[in-house]
Amino acid sequence: MRYVVSGVSRGIGSEVADRLLAAGHQVYGVVRPGRARIDGLAGSVEADLAHPEDLDRSVRSFADDLGPIDGLVHSAGIVRGSTLTATSAEDFTAQFTVNVTAVAQLTRLFLPGLRRAGGTVVMLNSMSGIVPRTPLAAYGASKFALRSYAESLRLEEPEIRVSSIYPGRVATDMQEEVRALEQADYRAADYLRPGTVADLIIAVLMLPADGVIIDLSLRPRHPPSVP
């Protein structure tokens, strides 16, 4: 089977790709320019998600050449933290651009292949897309918007499956950034392992064709206190 993963160079995206490759699937990556590429990919395309207006140029021919796509996993994302009153217009725009607009544009470009295969789109959302919290209010707003986008895509494209996954805190580089914003310690052992979230994504992708998982939340079993 054939899968496309964004954010494939690190974190959860890398773990998803590793598992799909180990199972014998073809995996294609959407890679940020300058990022290291993982071994074993069937192919990849460089795309700067901070500039979704350029994705037609950089991704369209790549997507058209793939043919049927069994799954598209949106793992890439950014966070910029602050209180609402201290969040600049630039930080709002940056988060909505990568976390929402780029997701919509990538999905649009890969949609013909997804339709042909009756494929699955997985949106890696966040608990911040369910429960807003400071100092991540602007990030949360972008994830609430991603949630709405997923719901609308499901309505408009009934022949594909659309799933949103809402993990709690995960031991990734992004979580280190978040804990620094919260002025709190980062202890990887307190959080979900990236591989645990990847396992859940794989389960969603491999679900038999007669069902779809709409929304799925996952939290650390023993989460630390949040300041």
N, C-alpha and C. Protein backbone atom coordinates (compact mmCIF):
# COMPACT_ATOMS: atom_id res chain seq x y z
N MET A 1 0.84 -1.19 0.00
CA MET A 1 0.00 0.00 0.00
C MET A 1 0.88 1.24 0.00
N ARG A 2 0.31 2.37 -0.33
CA ARG A 2 1.08 3.59 -0.56
C ARG A 2 0.60 4.70 0.39
N TYR A 3 1.57 5.29 1.11
CA TYR A 3 1.25 6.30 2.11
C TYR A 3 2.15 7.52 1.95
N VAL A 4 1.59 8.68 2.29
CA VAL A 4 2.33 9.94 2.29
C VAL A 4 2.30 10.50 3.70
N VAL A 5 3.47 10.94 4.20
CA VAL A 5 3.57 11.45 5.57
C VAL A 5 4.28 12.80 5.52
N SER A 6 3.67 13.83 6.10
CA SER A 6 4.36 15.11 6.28
C SER A 6 5.05 15.11 7.64
N GLY A 7 6.06 15.97 7.77
CA GLY A 7 6.82 15.98 9.02
C GLY A 7 7.56 14.67 9.23
N VAL A 8 8.02 14.08 8.14
CA VAL A 8 8.55 12.72 8.17
C VAL A 8 9.97 12.66 8.73
N SER A 9 10.63 13.79 8.88
CA SER A 9 12.04 13.78 9.26
C SER A 9 12.29 13.56 10.74
N ARG A 10 11.28 13.76 11.59
CA ARG A 10 11.52 13.65 13.02
C ARG A 10 10.21 13.37 13.75
N GLY A 11 10.34 13.07 15.03
CA GLY A 11 9.19 12.94 15.91
C GLY A 11 8.20 11.88 15.47
N ILE A 12 6.93 12.19 15.63
CA ILE A 12 5.87 11.22 15.34
C ILE A 12 5.86 10.84 13.86
N GLY A 13 6.07 11.80 12.98
CA GLY A 13 6.08 11.50 11.55
C GLY A 13 7.13 10.48 11.18
N SER A 14 8.32 10.60 11.76
CA SER A 14 9.38 9.64 11.50
C SER A 14 9.01 8.25 12.02
N GLU A 15 8.39 8.20 13.19
CA GLU A 15 7.97 6.91 13.76
C GLU A 15 6.89 6.25 12.89
N VAL A 16 5.97 7.04 12.38
CA VAL A 16 4.94 6.49 11.50
C VAL A 16 5.58 5.90 10.25
N ALA A 17 6.49 6.65 9.65
CA ALA A 17 7.15 6.16 8.44
C ALA A 17 7.92 4.88 8.70
N ASP A 18 8.63 4.83 9.81
CA ASP A 18 9.41 3.62 10.15
C ASP A 18 8.51 2.39 10.25
N ARG A 19 7.36 2.55 10.88
CA ARG A 19 6.45 1.42 11.07
C ARG A 19 5.83 0.98 9.74
N LEU A 20 5.47 1.93 8.92
CA LEU A 20 4.91 1.57 7.62
C LEU A 20 5.94 0.88 6.74
N LEU A 21 7.16 1.39 6.78
CA LEU A 21 8.22 0.76 5.99
C LEU A 21 8.51 -0.65 6.48
N ALA A 22 8.54 -0.83 7.81
CA ALA A 22 8.81 -2.16 8.37
C ALA A 22 7.74 -3.17 7.97
N ALA A 23 6.51 -2.68 7.74
CA ALA A 23 5.41 -3.56 7.34
C ALA A 23 5.37 -3.79 5.83
N GLY A 24 6.33 -3.22 5.09
CA GLY A 24 6.44 -3.48 3.66
C GLY A 24 5.67 -2.53 2.76
N HIS A 25 5.20 -1.40 3.32
CA HIS A 25 4.44 -0.45 2.51
C HIS A 25 5.38 0.54 1.81
N GLN A 26 4.87 1.17 0.77
CA GLN A 26 5.58 2.27 0.13
C GLN A 26 5.26 3.55 0.88
N VAL A 27 6.30 4.28 1.27
CA VAL A 27 6.11 5.52 2.04
C VAL A 27 6.79 6.67 1.31
N TYR A 28 6.05 7.75 1.15
CA TYR A 28 6.56 8.97 0.52
C TYR A 28 6.52 10.09 1.55
N GLY A 29 7.54 10.92 1.56
CA GLY A 29 7.62 11.96 2.57
C GLY A 29 7.47 13.35 2.00
N VAL A 30 6.83 14.21 2.77
CA VAL A 30 6.84 15.65 2.50
C VAL A 30 7.84 16.23 3.48
N VAL A 31 8.95 16.76 2.95
CA VAL A 31 10.11 17.11 3.76
C VAL A 31 10.36 18.60 3.70
N ARG A 32 10.60 19.19 4.85
CA ARG A 32 10.97 20.60 4.90
C ARG A 32 12.35 20.78 4.26
N PRO A 33 12.52 21.81 3.42
CA PRO A 33 13.83 22.02 2.79
C PRO A 33 14.95 22.09 3.82
N GLY A 34 16.01 21.35 3.55
CA GLY A 34 17.15 21.33 4.45
C GLY A 34 17.10 20.29 5.54
N ARG A 35 15.96 19.63 5.71
CA ARG A 35 15.84 18.59 6.73
C ARG A 35 16.43 17.28 6.23
N ALA A 36 16.97 16.50 7.17
CA ALA A 36 17.50 15.18 6.83
C ALA A 36 16.35 14.27 6.40
N ARG A 37 16.64 13.38 5.48
CA ARG A 37 15.63 12.44 4.99
C ARG A 37 15.89 11.07 5.59
N ILE A 38 14.83 10.34 5.81
CA ILE A 38 15.01 9.02 6.41
C ILE A 38 15.21 7.98 5.32
N ASP A 39 15.92 6.93 5.68
CA ASP A 39 16.22 5.87 4.72
C ASP A 39 14.96 5.06 4.41
N GLY A 40 14.91 4.54 3.20
CA GLY A 40 13.86 3.61 2.83
C GLY A 40 12.65 4.21 2.17
N LEU A 41 12.55 5.54 2.12
CA LEU A 41 11.39 6.15 1.48
C LEU A 41 11.36 5.80 0.00
N ALA A 42 10.16 5.59 -0.51
CA ALA A 42 10.00 5.35 -1.94
C ALA A 42 10.20 6.63 -2.74
N GLY A 43 10.07 7.76 -2.07
CA GLY A 43 10.26 9.05 -2.70
C GLY A 43 9.92 10.16 -1.72
N SER A 44 10.30 11.37 -2.04
CA SER A 44 9.98 12.50 -1.17
C SER A 44 9.96 13.78 -1.99
N VAL A 45 9.33 14.77 -1.43
CA VAL A 45 9.28 16.08 -2.07
C VAL A 45 9.55 17.13 -1.02
N GLU A 46 10.38 18.11 -1.36
CA GLU A 46 10.66 19.22 -0.46
C GLU A 46 9.52 20.24 -0.58
N ALA A 47 9.02 20.67 0.58
CA ALA A 47 7.92 21.64 0.58
C ALA A 47 8.01 22.47 1.85
N ASP A 48 8.00 23.77 1.69
CA ASP A 48 8.02 24.68 2.83
C ASP A 48 6.58 24.99 3.22
N LEU A 49 6.11 24.37 4.29
CA LEU A 49 4.72 24.55 4.69
C LEU A 49 4.43 25.95 5.22
N ALA A 50 5.48 26.71 5.49
CA ALA A 50 5.28 28.10 5.88
C ALA A 50 4.86 28.97 4.70
N HIS A 51 4.92 28.39 3.50
CA HIS A 51 4.52 29.12 2.29
C HIS A 51 3.60 28.23 1.46
N PRO A 52 2.39 28.01 1.95
CA PRO A 52 1.46 27.11 1.24
C PRO A 52 1.08 27.61 -0.15
N GLU A 53 1.26 28.90 -0.39
CA GLU A 53 0.95 29.42 -1.71
C GLU A 53 1.90 28.85 -2.78
N ASP A 54 3.04 28.29 -2.34
CA ASP A 54 4.00 27.71 -3.28
C ASP A 54 3.82 26.20 -3.46
N LEU A 55 2.90 25.59 -2.73
CA LEU A 55 2.78 24.13 -2.77
C LEU A 55 2.30 23.61 -4.11
N ASP A 56 1.47 24.39 -4.81
CA ASP A 56 1.06 23.97 -6.15
C ASP A 56 2.28 23.73 -7.03
N ARG A 57 3.23 24.62 -6.94
CA ARG A 57 4.43 24.51 -7.76
C ARG A 57 5.33 23.36 -7.31
N SER A 58 5.51 23.21 -5.99
CA SER A 58 6.48 22.24 -5.50
C SER A 58 5.93 20.83 -5.36
N VAL A 59 4.61 20.67 -5.17
CA VAL A 59 4.05 19.36 -4.83
C VAL A 59 3.15 18.78 -5.90
N ARG A 60 2.52 19.60 -6.72
CA ARG A 60 1.47 19.09 -7.62
C ARG A 60 1.96 17.97 -8.51
N SER A 61 3.08 18.15 -9.22
CA SER A 61 3.53 17.10 -10.14
C SER A 61 3.90 15.84 -9.39
N PHE A 62 4.49 16.00 -8.20
CA PHE A 62 4.83 14.84 -7.36
C PHE A 62 3.57 14.07 -6.99
N ALA A 63 2.54 14.79 -6.57
CA ALA A 63 1.28 14.15 -6.16
C ALA A 63 0.60 13.49 -7.36
N ASP A 64 0.61 14.15 -8.51
CA ASP A 64 -0.04 13.60 -9.69
C ASP A 64 0.62 12.30 -10.14
N ASP A 65 1.94 12.21 -9.96
CA ASP A 65 2.67 11.02 -10.42
C ASP A 65 2.48 9.81 -9.51
N LEU A 66 2.00 10.02 -8.29
CA LEU A 66 1.90 8.92 -7.34
C LEU A 66 0.78 7.93 -7.68
N GLY A 67 -0.29 8.43 -8.23
CA GLY A 67 -1.44 7.55 -8.46
C GLY A 67 -2.23 7.35 -7.18
N PRO A 68 -2.90 6.20 -7.01
CA PRO A 68 -3.73 5.97 -5.82
C PRO A 68 -2.90 6.07 -4.53
N ILE A 69 -3.49 6.71 -3.51
CA ILE A 69 -2.83 6.88 -2.21
C ILE A 69 -3.74 6.30 -1.14
N ASP A 70 -3.23 5.35 -0.38
CA ASP A 70 -4.04 4.71 0.65
C ASP A 70 -4.14 5.53 1.93
N GLY A 71 -3.18 6.42 2.16
CA GLY A 71 -3.26 7.23 3.37
C GLY A 71 -2.37 8.45 3.29
N LEU A 72 -2.84 9.53 3.89
CA LEU A 72 -2.09 10.78 4.02
C LEU A 72 -2.08 11.16 5.49
N VAL A 73 -0.89 11.25 6.07
CA VAL A 73 -0.74 11.57 7.49
C VAL A 73 -0.14 12.96 7.62
N HIS A 74 -0.88 13.86 8.25
CA HIS A 74 -0.41 15.22 8.49
C HIS A 74 0.23 15.27 9.88
N SER A 75 1.56 15.19 9.92
CA SER A 75 2.26 15.20 11.20
C SER A 75 2.99 16.51 11.47
N ALA A 76 3.27 17.27 10.43
CA ALA A 76 4.03 18.52 10.60
C ALA A 76 3.20 19.57 11.32
N GLY A 77 3.85 20.39 12.13
CA GLY A 77 3.17 21.48 12.82
C GLY A 77 4.16 22.33 13.56
N ILE A 78 3.73 23.52 13.97
CA ILE A 78 4.58 24.42 14.75
C ILE A 78 3.79 24.97 15.92
N VAL A 79 4.52 25.45 16.92
CA VAL A 79 3.90 26.09 18.07
C VAL A 79 4.63 27.39 18.38
N ARG A 80 3.88 28.43 18.68
CA ARG A 80 4.42 29.70 19.15
C ARG A 80 3.59 30.08 20.36
N GLY A 81 4.18 30.14 21.51
CA GLY A 81 3.41 30.32 22.73
C GLY A 81 3.53 31.69 23.33
N SER A 82 2.42 32.16 23.87
CA SER A 82 2.38 33.40 24.64
C SER A 82 0.93 33.59 25.07
N THR A 83 0.70 34.58 25.91
CA THR A 83 -0.67 34.95 26.22
C THR A 83 -1.29 35.58 24.97
N LEU A 84 -2.60 35.62 24.93
CA LEU A 84 -3.26 36.19 23.76
C LEU A 84 -2.86 37.65 23.53
N THR A 85 -2.79 38.41 24.61
CA THR A 85 -2.47 39.83 24.44
C THR A 85 -1.03 40.05 24.01
N ALA A 86 -0.17 39.07 24.26
CA ALA A 86 1.24 39.22 23.88
C ALA A 86 1.58 38.51 22.57
N THR A 87 0.61 37.79 21.99
CA THR A 87 0.87 37.06 20.75
C THR A 87 0.78 38.03 19.57
N SER A 88 1.83 38.09 18.79
CA SER A 88 1.88 39.01 17.66
C SER A 88 1.05 38.48 16.49
N ALA A 89 0.73 39.36 15.59
CA ALA A 89 0.03 38.95 14.37
C ALA A 89 0.88 37.96 13.59
N GLU A 90 2.18 38.15 13.60
CA GLU A 90 3.08 37.24 12.88
C GLU A 90 3.00 35.83 13.45
N ASP A 91 2.94 35.71 14.79
CA ASP A 91 2.87 34.38 15.40
C ASP A 91 1.52 33.72 15.16
N PHE A 92 0.44 34.50 15.20
CA PHE A 92 -0.86 33.95 14.83
C PHE A 92 -0.82 33.42 13.40
N THR A 93 -0.31 34.25 12.50
CA THR A 93 -0.30 33.88 11.08
C THR A 93 0.56 32.65 10.84
N ALA A 94 1.74 32.60 11.47
CA ALA A 94 2.64 31.47 11.27
C ALA A 94 1.99 30.15 11.66
N GLN A 95 1.29 30.14 12.81
CA GLN A 95 0.68 28.90 13.28
C GLN A 95 -0.50 28.48 12.43
N PHE A 96 -1.34 29.42 12.06
CA PHE A 96 -2.47 29.07 11.20
C PHE A 96 -1.99 28.65 9.81
N THR A 97 -0.91 29.26 9.35
CA THR A 97 -0.39 28.92 8.02
C THR A 97 0.08 27.47 7.96
N VAL A 98 0.92 27.06 8.92
CA VAL A 98 1.48 25.70 8.91
C VAL A 98 0.46 24.68 9.39
N ASN A 99 -0.26 25.01 10.46
CA ASN A 99 -1.13 24.03 11.11
C ASN A 99 -2.47 23.84 10.43
N VAL A 100 -2.88 24.79 9.62
CA VAL A 100 -4.20 24.70 8.98
C VAL A 100 -4.11 24.86 7.46
N THR A 101 -3.63 26.01 7.01
CA THR A 101 -3.65 26.29 5.57
C THR A 101 -2.81 25.30 4.79
N ALA A 102 -1.60 25.00 5.27
CA ALA A 102 -0.74 24.04 4.56
C ALA A 102 -1.36 22.65 4.54
N VAL A 103 -2.02 22.27 5.64
CA VAL A 103 -2.71 20.97 5.67
C VAL A 103 -3.80 20.93 4.60
N ALA A 104 -4.56 22.00 4.50
CA ALA A 104 -5.64 22.05 3.51
C ALA A 104 -5.08 21.99 2.10
N GLN A 105 -3.98 22.69 1.85
CA GLN A 105 -3.41 22.70 0.51
C GLN A 105 -2.80 21.36 0.14
N LEU A 106 -2.08 20.73 1.07
CA LEU A 106 -1.52 19.40 0.79
C LEU A 106 -2.64 18.40 0.53
N THR A 107 -3.67 18.45 1.34
CA THR A 107 -4.79 17.53 1.14
C THR A 107 -5.41 17.72 -0.23
N ARG A 108 -5.61 18.95 -0.63
CA ARG A 108 -6.19 19.24 -1.95
C ARG A 108 -5.34 18.63 -3.06
N LEU A 109 -4.02 18.74 -2.93
CA LEU A 109 -3.13 18.26 -3.98
C LEU A 109 -3.09 16.73 -4.05
N PHE A 110 -3.20 16.08 -2.90
CA PHE A 110 -3.18 14.61 -2.88
C PHE A 110 -4.58 13.99 -2.99
N LEU A 111 -5.60 14.83 -3.04
CA LEU A 111 -6.97 14.33 -3.01
C LEU A 111 -7.32 13.42 -4.20
N PRO A 112 -6.88 13.71 -5.42
CA PRO A 112 -7.22 12.79 -6.51
C PRO A 112 -6.74 11.36 -6.25
N GLY A 113 -5.53 11.22 -5.73
CA GLY A 113 -5.02 9.88 -5.40
C GLY A 113 -5.75 9.24 -4.26
N LEU A 114 -6.13 10.03 -3.27
CA LEU A 114 -6.91 9.51 -2.15
C LEU A 114 -8.29 9.05 -2.60
N ARG A 115 -8.91 9.79 -3.48
CA ARG A 115 -10.23 9.38 -4.00
C ARG A 115 -10.13 8.06 -4.75
N ARG A 116 -9.08 7.91 -5.54
CA ARG A 116 -8.93 6.69 -6.33
C ARG A 116 -8.78 5.45 -5.45
N ALA A 117 -8.14 5.62 -4.30
CA ALA A 117 -7.90 4.48 -3.42
C ALA A 117 -8.94 4.36 -2.31
N GLY A 118 -9.84 5.34 -2.19
CA GLY A 118 -10.71 5.37 -1.02
C GLY A 118 -9.88 5.47 0.24
N GLY A 119 -8.87 6.36 0.21
CA GLY A 119 -7.85 6.42 1.25
C GLY A 119 -8.30 7.10 2.54
N THR A 120 -7.36 7.19 3.46
CA THR A 120 -7.59 7.76 4.80
C THR A 120 -6.68 8.95 5.01
N VAL A 121 -7.25 10.06 5.48
CA VAL A 121 -6.48 11.23 5.89
C VAL A 121 -6.47 11.28 7.41
N VAL A 122 -5.27 11.33 7.97
CA VAL A 122 -5.12 11.43 9.42
C VAL A 122 -4.56 12.80 9.78
N MET A 123 -5.32 13.55 10.56
CA MET A 123 -4.87 14.85 11.06
C MET A 123 -4.31 14.66 12.47
N LEU A 124 -3.03 14.94 12.65
CA LEU A 124 -2.46 14.90 13.99
C LEU A 124 -2.77 16.23 14.66
N ASN A 125 -3.82 16.23 15.46
CA ASN A 125 -4.25 17.44 16.14
C ASN A 125 -3.54 17.51 17.50
N SER A 126 -4.22 17.89 18.54
CA SER A 126 -3.63 18.06 19.87
C SER A 126 -4.77 18.20 20.87
N MET A 127 -4.49 17.89 22.12
CA MET A 127 -5.49 18.18 23.15
C MET A 127 -5.79 19.67 23.22
N SER A 128 -4.85 20.50 22.72
CA SER A 128 -5.11 21.94 22.64
C SER A 128 -6.20 22.26 21.62
N GLY A 129 -6.52 21.30 20.75
CA GLY A 129 -7.64 21.47 19.83
C GLY A 129 -8.97 21.10 20.43
N ILE A 130 -8.96 20.65 21.70
CA ILE A 130 -10.19 20.32 22.42
C ILE A 130 -10.37 21.22 23.63
N VAL A 131 -9.27 21.40 24.37
CA VAL A 131 -9.30 22.21 25.59
C VAL A 131 -8.27 23.32 25.48
N PRO A 132 -8.69 24.57 25.34
CA PRO A 132 -7.72 25.66 25.23
C PRO A 132 -6.96 25.87 26.53
N ARG A 133 -5.71 26.28 26.41
CA ARG A 133 -4.92 26.56 27.60
C ARG A 133 -3.87 27.61 27.28
N THR A 134 -3.48 28.34 28.27
CA THR A 134 -2.44 29.33 28.12
C THR A 134 -1.13 28.75 28.65
N PRO A 135 0.03 29.06 28.08
CA PRO A 135 0.28 30.11 27.09
C PRO A 135 0.25 29.62 25.65
N LEU A 136 -0.67 28.73 25.33
CA LEU A 136 -0.76 28.16 23.99
C LEU A 136 -2.09 28.48 23.33
N ALA A 137 -2.66 29.63 23.66
CA ALA A 137 -4.01 29.94 23.18
C ALA A 137 -4.06 30.08 21.67
N ALA A 138 -3.08 30.74 21.07
CA ALA A 138 -3.08 30.91 19.62
C ALA A 138 -2.84 29.58 18.92
N TYR A 139 -1.95 28.77 19.47
CA TYR A 139 -1.72 27.42 18.94
C TYR A 139 -3.02 26.62 19.02
N GLY A 140 -3.69 26.69 20.16
CA GLY A 140 -4.96 25.99 20.32
C GLY A 140 -6.00 26.46 19.32
N ALA A 141 -6.03 27.75 19.06
CA ALA A 141 -6.99 28.28 18.08
C ALA A 141 -6.74 27.67 16.70
N SER A 142 -5.45 27.50 16.35
CA SER A 142 -5.15 26.87 15.06
C SER A 142 -5.59 25.41 15.04
N LYS A 143 -5.46 24.73 16.18
CA LYS A 143 -5.86 23.32 16.23
C LYS A 143 -7.38 23.17 16.26
N PHE A 144 -8.10 24.13 16.87
CA PHE A 144 -9.56 24.12 16.76
C PHE A 144 -9.96 24.31 15.30
N ALA A 145 -9.26 25.18 14.59
CA ALA A 145 -9.55 25.38 13.17
C ALA A 145 -9.27 24.12 12.37
N LEU A 146 -8.18 23.40 12.71
CA LEU A 146 -7.88 22.14 12.04
C LEU A 146 -8.99 21.12 12.27
N ARG A 147 -9.52 21.12 13.46
CA ARG A 147 -10.64 20.22 13.79
C ARG A 147 -11.84 20.53 12.89
N SER A 148 -12.14 21.80 12.71
CA SER A 148 -13.25 22.19 11.85
C SER A 148 -12.97 21.81 10.40
N TYR A 149 -11.75 21.99 9.96
CA TYR A 149 -11.39 21.61 8.60
C TYR A 149 -11.62 20.11 8.38
N ALA A 150 -11.19 19.29 9.33
CA ALA A 150 -11.37 17.85 9.21
C ALA A 150 -12.85 17.48 9.10
N GLU A 151 -13.68 18.13 9.90
CA GLU A 151 -15.12 17.85 9.86
C GLU A 151 -15.70 18.23 8.49
N SER A 152 -15.27 19.36 7.97
CA SER A 152 -15.78 19.80 6.66
C SER A 152 -15.29 18.90 5.54
N LEU A 153 -14.03 18.46 5.62
CA LEU A 153 -13.50 17.55 4.61
C LEU A 153 -14.29 16.24 4.60
N ARG A 154 -14.64 15.77 5.77
CA ARG A 154 -15.42 14.52 5.87
C ARG A 154 -16.79 14.69 5.19
N LEU A 155 -17.40 15.84 5.35
CA LEU A 155 -18.69 16.09 4.72
C LEU A 155 -18.58 16.18 3.20
N GLU A 156 -17.52 16.82 2.72
CA GLU A 156 -17.38 17.07 1.29
C GLU A 156 -16.83 15.87 0.52
N GLU A 157 -16.10 14.99 1.22
CA GLU A 157 -15.44 13.88 0.54
C GLU A 157 -15.86 12.55 1.19
N PRO A 158 -17.09 12.12 0.99
CA PRO A 158 -17.58 10.91 1.67
C PRO A 158 -16.90 9.63 1.23
N GLU A 159 -16.15 9.65 0.13
CA GLU A 159 -15.50 8.43 -0.36
C GLU A 159 -14.13 8.20 0.28
N ILE A 160 -13.64 9.15 1.06
CA ILE A 160 -12.40 8.94 1.79
C ILE A 160 -12.70 8.98 3.29
N ARG A 161 -11.78 8.45 4.08
CA ARG A 161 -11.94 8.48 5.53
C ARG A 161 -11.09 9.62 6.10
N VAL A 162 -11.65 10.33 7.06
CA VAL A 162 -10.94 11.45 7.70
C VAL A 162 -10.96 11.23 9.20
N SER A 163 -9.77 11.17 9.78
CA SER A 163 -9.64 10.91 11.22
C SER A 163 -8.78 11.98 11.88
N SER A 164 -9.19 12.41 13.05
CA SER A 164 -8.40 13.35 13.85
C SER A 164 -7.93 12.65 15.12
N ILE A 165 -6.64 12.79 15.42
CA ILE A 165 -6.07 12.22 16.64
C ILE A 165 -5.60 13.36 17.52
N TYR A 166 -5.98 13.28 18.80
CA TYR A 166 -5.70 14.35 19.75
C TYR A 166 -4.79 13.82 20.87
N PRO A 167 -3.48 13.80 20.64
CA PRO A 167 -2.60 13.34 21.72
C PRO A 167 -2.40 14.42 22.78
N GLY A 168 -2.17 13.95 24.00
CA GLY A 168 -1.71 14.85 25.04
C GLY A 168 -0.23 15.13 24.84
N ARG A 169 0.47 15.32 25.95
CA ARG A 169 1.88 15.67 25.85
C ARG A 169 2.71 14.49 25.36
N VAL A 170 3.54 14.76 24.36
CA VAL A 170 4.38 13.74 23.74
C VAL A 170 5.84 14.17 23.86
N ALA A 171 6.71 13.21 24.09
CA ALA A 171 8.13 13.50 24.29
C ALA A 171 8.81 13.79 22.95
N THR A 172 8.64 15.02 22.48
CA THR A 172 9.22 15.47 21.22
C THR A 172 9.92 16.80 21.41
N ASP A 173 10.60 17.26 20.36
CA ASP A 173 11.24 18.57 20.40
C ASP A 173 10.21 19.67 20.67
N MET A 174 9.01 19.52 20.10
CA MET A 174 7.98 20.53 20.32
C MET A 174 7.59 20.62 21.79
N GLN A 175 7.53 19.46 22.45
CA GLN A 175 7.17 19.47 23.87
C GLN A 175 8.24 20.17 24.71
N GLU A 176 9.49 20.04 24.30
CA GLU A 176 10.54 20.79 24.99
C GLU A 176 10.31 22.28 24.87
N GLU A 177 9.89 22.72 23.67
CA GLU A 177 9.57 24.13 23.47
C GLU A 177 8.41 24.56 24.37
N VAL A 178 7.38 23.71 24.43
CA VAL A 178 6.20 24.04 25.23
C VAL A 178 6.56 24.16 26.70
N ARG A 179 7.33 23.23 27.22
CA ARG A 179 7.70 23.28 28.63
C ARG A 179 8.55 24.50 28.94
N ALA A 180 9.38 24.90 27.99
CA ALA A 180 10.16 26.12 28.19
C ALA A 180 9.23 27.33 28.26
N LEU A 181 8.21 27.35 27.40
CA LEU A 181 7.24 28.44 27.44
C LEU A 181 6.48 28.46 28.77
N GLU A 182 6.24 27.28 29.32
CA GLU A 182 5.53 27.18 30.59
C GLU A 182 6.47 27.39 31.78
N GLN A 183 7.75 27.58 31.49
CA GLN A 183 8.77 27.76 32.52
C GLN A 183 8.74 26.57 33.49
N ALA A 184 8.73 25.38 32.91
CA ALA A 184 8.65 24.14 33.68
C ALA A 184 9.67 23.15 33.13
N ASP A 185 9.99 22.15 33.93
CA ASP A 185 10.95 21.13 33.53
C ASP A 185 10.37 20.23 32.45
N TYR A 186 11.25 19.77 31.58
CA TYR A 186 10.89 18.78 30.58
C TYR A 186 11.46 17.44 31.01
N ARG A 187 10.56 16.46 31.23
CA ARG A 187 10.99 15.11 31.61
C ARG A 187 10.31 14.14 30.66
N ALA A 188 11.08 13.61 29.73
CA ALA A 188 10.52 12.77 28.68
C ALA A 188 9.72 11.60 29.23
N ALA A 189 10.15 11.07 30.38
CA ALA A 189 9.46 9.91 30.95
C ALA A 189 8.03 10.22 31.38
N ASP A 190 7.70 11.51 31.53
CA ASP A 190 6.35 11.90 31.95
C ASP A 190 5.34 11.88 30.80
N TYR A 191 5.82 11.77 29.58
CA TYR A 191 4.96 12.01 28.43
C TYR A 191 4.79 10.75 27.58
N LEU A 192 3.86 10.82 26.67
CA LEU A 192 3.70 9.76 25.69
C LEU A 192 4.95 9.64 24.83
N ARG A 193 5.33 8.43 24.48
CA ARG A 193 6.41 8.24 23.53
C ARG A 193 5.89 8.50 22.12
N PRO A 194 6.69 9.09 21.26
CA PRO A 194 6.25 9.29 19.87
C PRO A 194 5.78 8.00 19.22
N GLY A 195 6.45 6.89 19.56
CA GLY A 195 6.06 5.61 18.98
C GLY A 195 4.68 5.16 19.40
N THR A 196 4.25 5.55 20.59
CA THR A 196 2.91 5.19 21.04
C THR A 196 1.85 5.88 20.19
N VAL A 197 2.08 7.16 19.89
CA VAL A 197 1.15 7.89 19.03
C VAL A 197 1.21 7.33 17.62
N ALA A 198 2.41 6.98 17.15
CA ALA A 198 2.55 6.40 15.82
C ALA A 198 1.78 5.08 15.71
N ASP A 199 1.85 4.27 16.75
CA ASP A 199 1.10 3.00 16.74
C ASP A 199 -0.39 3.25 16.57
N LEU A 200 -0.88 4.29 17.22
CA LEU A 200 -2.31 4.62 17.10
C LEU A 200 -2.65 5.07 15.67
N ILE A 201 -1.78 5.87 15.09
CA ILE A 201 -2.00 6.32 13.71
C ILE A 201 -2.02 5.12 12.76
N ILE A 202 -1.11 4.20 12.95
CA ILE A 202 -1.07 3.00 12.11
C ILE A 202 -2.38 2.22 12.25
N ALA A 203 -2.87 2.10 13.48
CA ALA A 203 -4.13 1.38 13.70
C ALA A 203 -5.28 2.05 12.96
N VAL A 204 -5.30 3.38 12.95
CA VAL A 204 -6.34 4.11 12.21
C VAL A 204 -6.22 3.84 10.72
N LEU A 205 -5.00 3.88 10.20
CA LEU A 205 -4.78 3.65 8.78
C LEU A 205 -5.19 2.24 8.36
N MET A 206 -4.95 1.27 9.24
CA MET A 206 -5.18 -0.13 8.89
C MET A 206 -6.58 -0.63 9.25
N LEU A 207 -7.42 0.25 9.74
CA LEU A 207 -8.78 -0.16 10.08
C LEU A 207 -9.48 -0.74 8.85
N PRO A 208 -10.21 -1.84 9.00
CA PRO A 208 -10.94 -2.39 7.85
C PRO A 208 -11.82 -1.33 7.18
N ALA A 209 -12.05 -1.52 5.90
CA ALA A 209 -12.67 -0.48 5.07
C ALA A 209 -14.11 -0.16 5.45
N ASP A 210 -14.76 -1.01 6.24
CA ASP A 210 -16.16 -0.75 6.57
C ASP A 210 -16.34 0.21 7.73
N GLY A 211 -15.23 0.70 8.32
CA GLY A 211 -15.35 1.60 9.47
C GLY A 211 -14.41 2.78 9.35
N VAL A 212 -14.69 3.80 10.14
CA VAL A 212 -13.81 4.97 10.21
C VAL A 212 -13.77 5.46 11.66
N ILE A 213 -12.59 5.81 12.13
CA ILE A 213 -12.44 6.44 13.43
C ILE A 213 -12.49 7.95 13.21
N ILE A 214 -13.44 8.61 13.81
CA ILE A 214 -13.63 10.04 13.60
C ILE A 214 -12.65 10.85 14.45
N ASP A 215 -12.75 10.72 15.75
CA ASP A 215 -11.91 11.45 16.69
C ASP A 215 -11.38 10.48 17.74
N LEU A 216 -10.12 10.63 18.09
CA LEU A 216 -9.50 9.74 19.05
C LEU A 216 -8.53 10.53 19.92
N SER A 217 -8.73 10.48 21.23
CA SER A 217 -7.87 11.19 22.18
C SER A 217 -6.94 10.20 22.88
N LEU A 218 -5.73 10.64 23.12
CA LEU A 218 -4.72 9.81 23.78
C LEU A 218 -3.94 10.69 24.73
N ARG A 219 -3.83 10.25 26.00
CA ARG A 219 -3.10 11.03 27.00
C ARG A 219 -2.09 10.17 27.72
N PRO A 220 -1.06 10.79 28.29
CA PRO A 220 -0.15 10.01 29.13
C PRO A 220 -0.90 9.34 30.26
N ARG A 221 -0.49 8.15 30.60
CA ARG A 221 -1.19 7.40 31.66
C ARG A 221 -1.06 8.10 33.01
N HIS A 222 0.11 8.69 33.27
CA HIS A 222 0.34 9.40 34.53
C HIS A 222 0.88 10.79 34.20
N PRO A 223 0.02 11.68 33.71
CA PRO A 223 0.51 12.99 33.27
C PRO A 223 1.02 13.83 34.43
N PRO A 224 2.05 14.64 34.19
CA PRO A 224 2.54 15.53 35.24
C PRO A 224 1.57 16.68 35.45
N SER A 225 1.70 17.35 36.57
CA SER A 225 0.88 18.53 36.82
C SER A 225 1.29 19.62 35.85
N VAL A 226 0.33 20.42 35.46
CA VAL A 226 0.57 21.51 34.50
C VAL A 226 0.50 22.84 35.24
N PRO A 227 1.52 23.69 35.07
CA PRO A 227 1.48 24.97 35.78
C PRO A 227 0.37 25.86 35.27
